[in-house]
Every structure is written in structure tokens, then in C-alpha cells.
């Protein structure tokens, strides 16, 4: 999710990241800034059956983290939802074995 504002303030990005790590560490949050467009973007993962469910759940996760940051609210200017299939057990095992060989 990308919000307008806070893109030029490094301290704001740090506060947002810290808030998300505390509020939803399971999502592996990442925060980036675009100083030219003056936007701040938060990327995180969550479990969902499909993209619609992910979008619905992401709104609450984002609000939790944003509120915990205590930064002044800003307008959401972009939302991107990408469905990433979880590897099945056999694929995960193959990846693990490949890791051990390296």
C-alpha cells in the first residue's frame, strides 16, 4: 500500500516500519520511500484464499500498522495485491535439499 506524503522523511519511514514489525511481524513488512513523488510504501505478506480476500484483510493490517506508527494519516494512492502460491510440501523439501547441497 502506498500513501501520499511522508516520502521525504526518513524518520517517518523508520516509525512506520517499527510499527508494522510490532503490530504484524508475521507479514515481514518492508517500507520504502519515493522522495520525488513524496510517497511511502509498505509491503507485507499475509495468508488468503484469493486476491479479493487478501485485499480485504490487507486493509485491516495496514490500518493497524499505520495507526501504531502515530504518523498523521495520509491518503492511500495505490494498492497492489499479488497472489503468490505457497509451495507444496514436496517442492519445499526439494528447495531445502538444494539449499543443503550448496
Protein backbone atom coordinates (compact mmCIF):
# COMPACT_ATOMS: atom_id res chain seq x y z
CA UNK A 1 0.00 0.00 0.00
CA UNK A 2 1.30 3.41 -0.94
CA UNK A 3 0.33 6.63 0.78
CA UNK A 4 0.87 10.24 -0.24
CA UNK A 5 3.24 12.15 1.98
CA UNK A 6 5.98 11.04 4.37
CA UNK A 7 8.15 10.18 1.34
CA UNK A 8 10.76 12.79 2.15
CA UNK A 9 11.04 11.98 5.87
CA UNK A 10 13.39 9.11 6.78
CA UNK A 11 12.21 9.21 10.38
CA UNK A 12 8.62 8.65 9.22
CA UNK A 13 9.66 5.55 7.26
CA UNK A 14 11.50 4.19 10.29
CA UNK A 15 8.49 4.81 12.53
CA UNK A 16 6.20 3.09 10.03
CA UNK A 17 8.49 0.07 9.76
CA UNK A 18 8.88 -0.24 13.54
CA UNK A 19 5.11 -0.02 13.98
CA UNK A 20 4.46 -2.74 11.41
CA UNK A 21 7.13 -5.01 12.89
CA UNK A 22 5.43 -4.72 16.27
CA UNK A 23 1.81 -4.86 15.00
CA UNK A 24 2.25 -7.57 12.32
CA UNK A 25 5.73 -9.15 12.36
CA UNK A 26 4.38 -12.26 10.60
CA UNK A 27 3.91 -10.20 7.43
CA UNK A 28 7.61 -9.43 7.02
CA UNK A 29 6.94 -5.74 6.41
CA UNK A 30 9.19 -3.64 4.19
CA UNK A 31 8.91 0.14 3.90
CA UNK A 32 10.20 2.22 1.01
CA UNK A 33 10.03 5.88 0.13
CA UNK A 34 9.88 7.84 -3.12
CA UNK A 35 11.31 11.26 -2.37
CA UNK A 36 10.37 12.66 -5.80
CA UNK A 37 6.70 11.62 -5.58
CA UNK A 38 6.67 12.11 -1.78
CA UNK A 39 5.12 8.70 -1.12
CA UNK A 40 5.71 5.96 1.40
CA UNK A 41 5.03 2.32 0.51
CA UNK A 42 4.53 -0.59 2.89
CA UNK A 43 4.79 -4.13 1.52
CA UNK A 44 3.78 -7.15 3.60
CA UNK A 45 2.58 -10.71 3.15
CA UNK A 46 -0.47 -12.47 4.52
CA UNK A 47 -2.34 -15.73 4.03
CA UNK A 48 -5.51 -15.61 1.97
CA UNK A 49 -7.53 -17.85 -0.33
CA UNK A 50 -7.55 -15.36 -3.21
CA UNK A 51 -6.65 -11.79 -4.12
CA UNK A 52 -10.04 -10.43 -3.00
CA UNK A 53 -9.66 -11.92 0.47
CA UNK A 54 -6.07 -10.66 0.60
CA UNK A 55 -7.21 -7.13 -0.24
CA UNK A 56 -9.92 -7.20 2.42
CA UNK A 57 -7.51 -8.47 5.07
CA UNK A 58 -4.70 -6.15 3.98
CA UNK A 59 -6.81 -3.07 4.69
CA UNK A 60 -7.02 -4.00 8.36
CA UNK A 61 -3.35 -4.94 8.60
CA UNK A 62 -2.35 -1.64 7.01
CA UNK A 63 -4.60 0.38 9.32
CA UNK A 64 -3.20 -1.41 12.39
CA UNK A 65 0.37 -0.62 11.40
CA UNK A 66 -0.32 2.92 10.27
CA UNK A 67 -2.18 3.74 13.49
CA UNK A 68 0.59 2.19 15.58
CA UNK A 69 3.12 4.47 13.85
CA UNK A 70 1.23 7.54 15.17
CA UNK A 71 2.07 9.37 11.94
CA UNK A 72 -0.60 11.77 10.69
CA UNK A 73 -2.99 9.90 8.35
CA UNK A 74 -2.41 10.33 4.63
CA UNK A 75 -4.35 9.45 1.50
CA UNK A 76 -3.83 5.94 0.09
CA UNK A 77 -2.77 6.43 -3.55
CA UNK A 78 -2.02 2.84 -4.62
CA UNK A 79 -2.83 -0.70 -3.57
CA UNK A 80 -1.19 -3.70 -5.18
CA UNK A 81 -2.24 -7.25 -4.41
CA UNK A 82 -0.29 -10.19 -5.79
CA UNK A 83 -1.21 -13.81 -5.24
CA UNK A 84 1.82 -15.99 -4.58
CA UNK A 85 1.15 -19.70 -4.38
CA UNK A 86 2.66 -21.38 -1.36
CA UNK A 87 4.94 -24.24 -2.37
CA UNK A 88 3.54 -27.70 -1.79
CA UNK A 89 5.33 -29.92 0.71
CA UNK A 90 7.34 -31.77 -1.97
CA UNK A 91 8.55 -28.53 -3.60
CA UNK A 92 9.53 -27.12 -0.22
CA UNK A 93 11.51 -30.28 0.51
CA UNK A 94 13.30 -30.02 -2.87
CA UNK A 95 14.21 -26.41 -2.16
CA UNK A 96 15.52 -27.35 1.24
CA UNK A 97 17.67 -30.16 -0.20
CA UNK A 98 19.09 -27.86 -2.86
CA UNK A 99 19.99 -25.37 -0.14
CA UNK A 100 21.94 -28.00 1.79
CA UNK A 101 23.97 -29.02 -1.27
CA UNK A 102 25.25 -25.53 -1.92
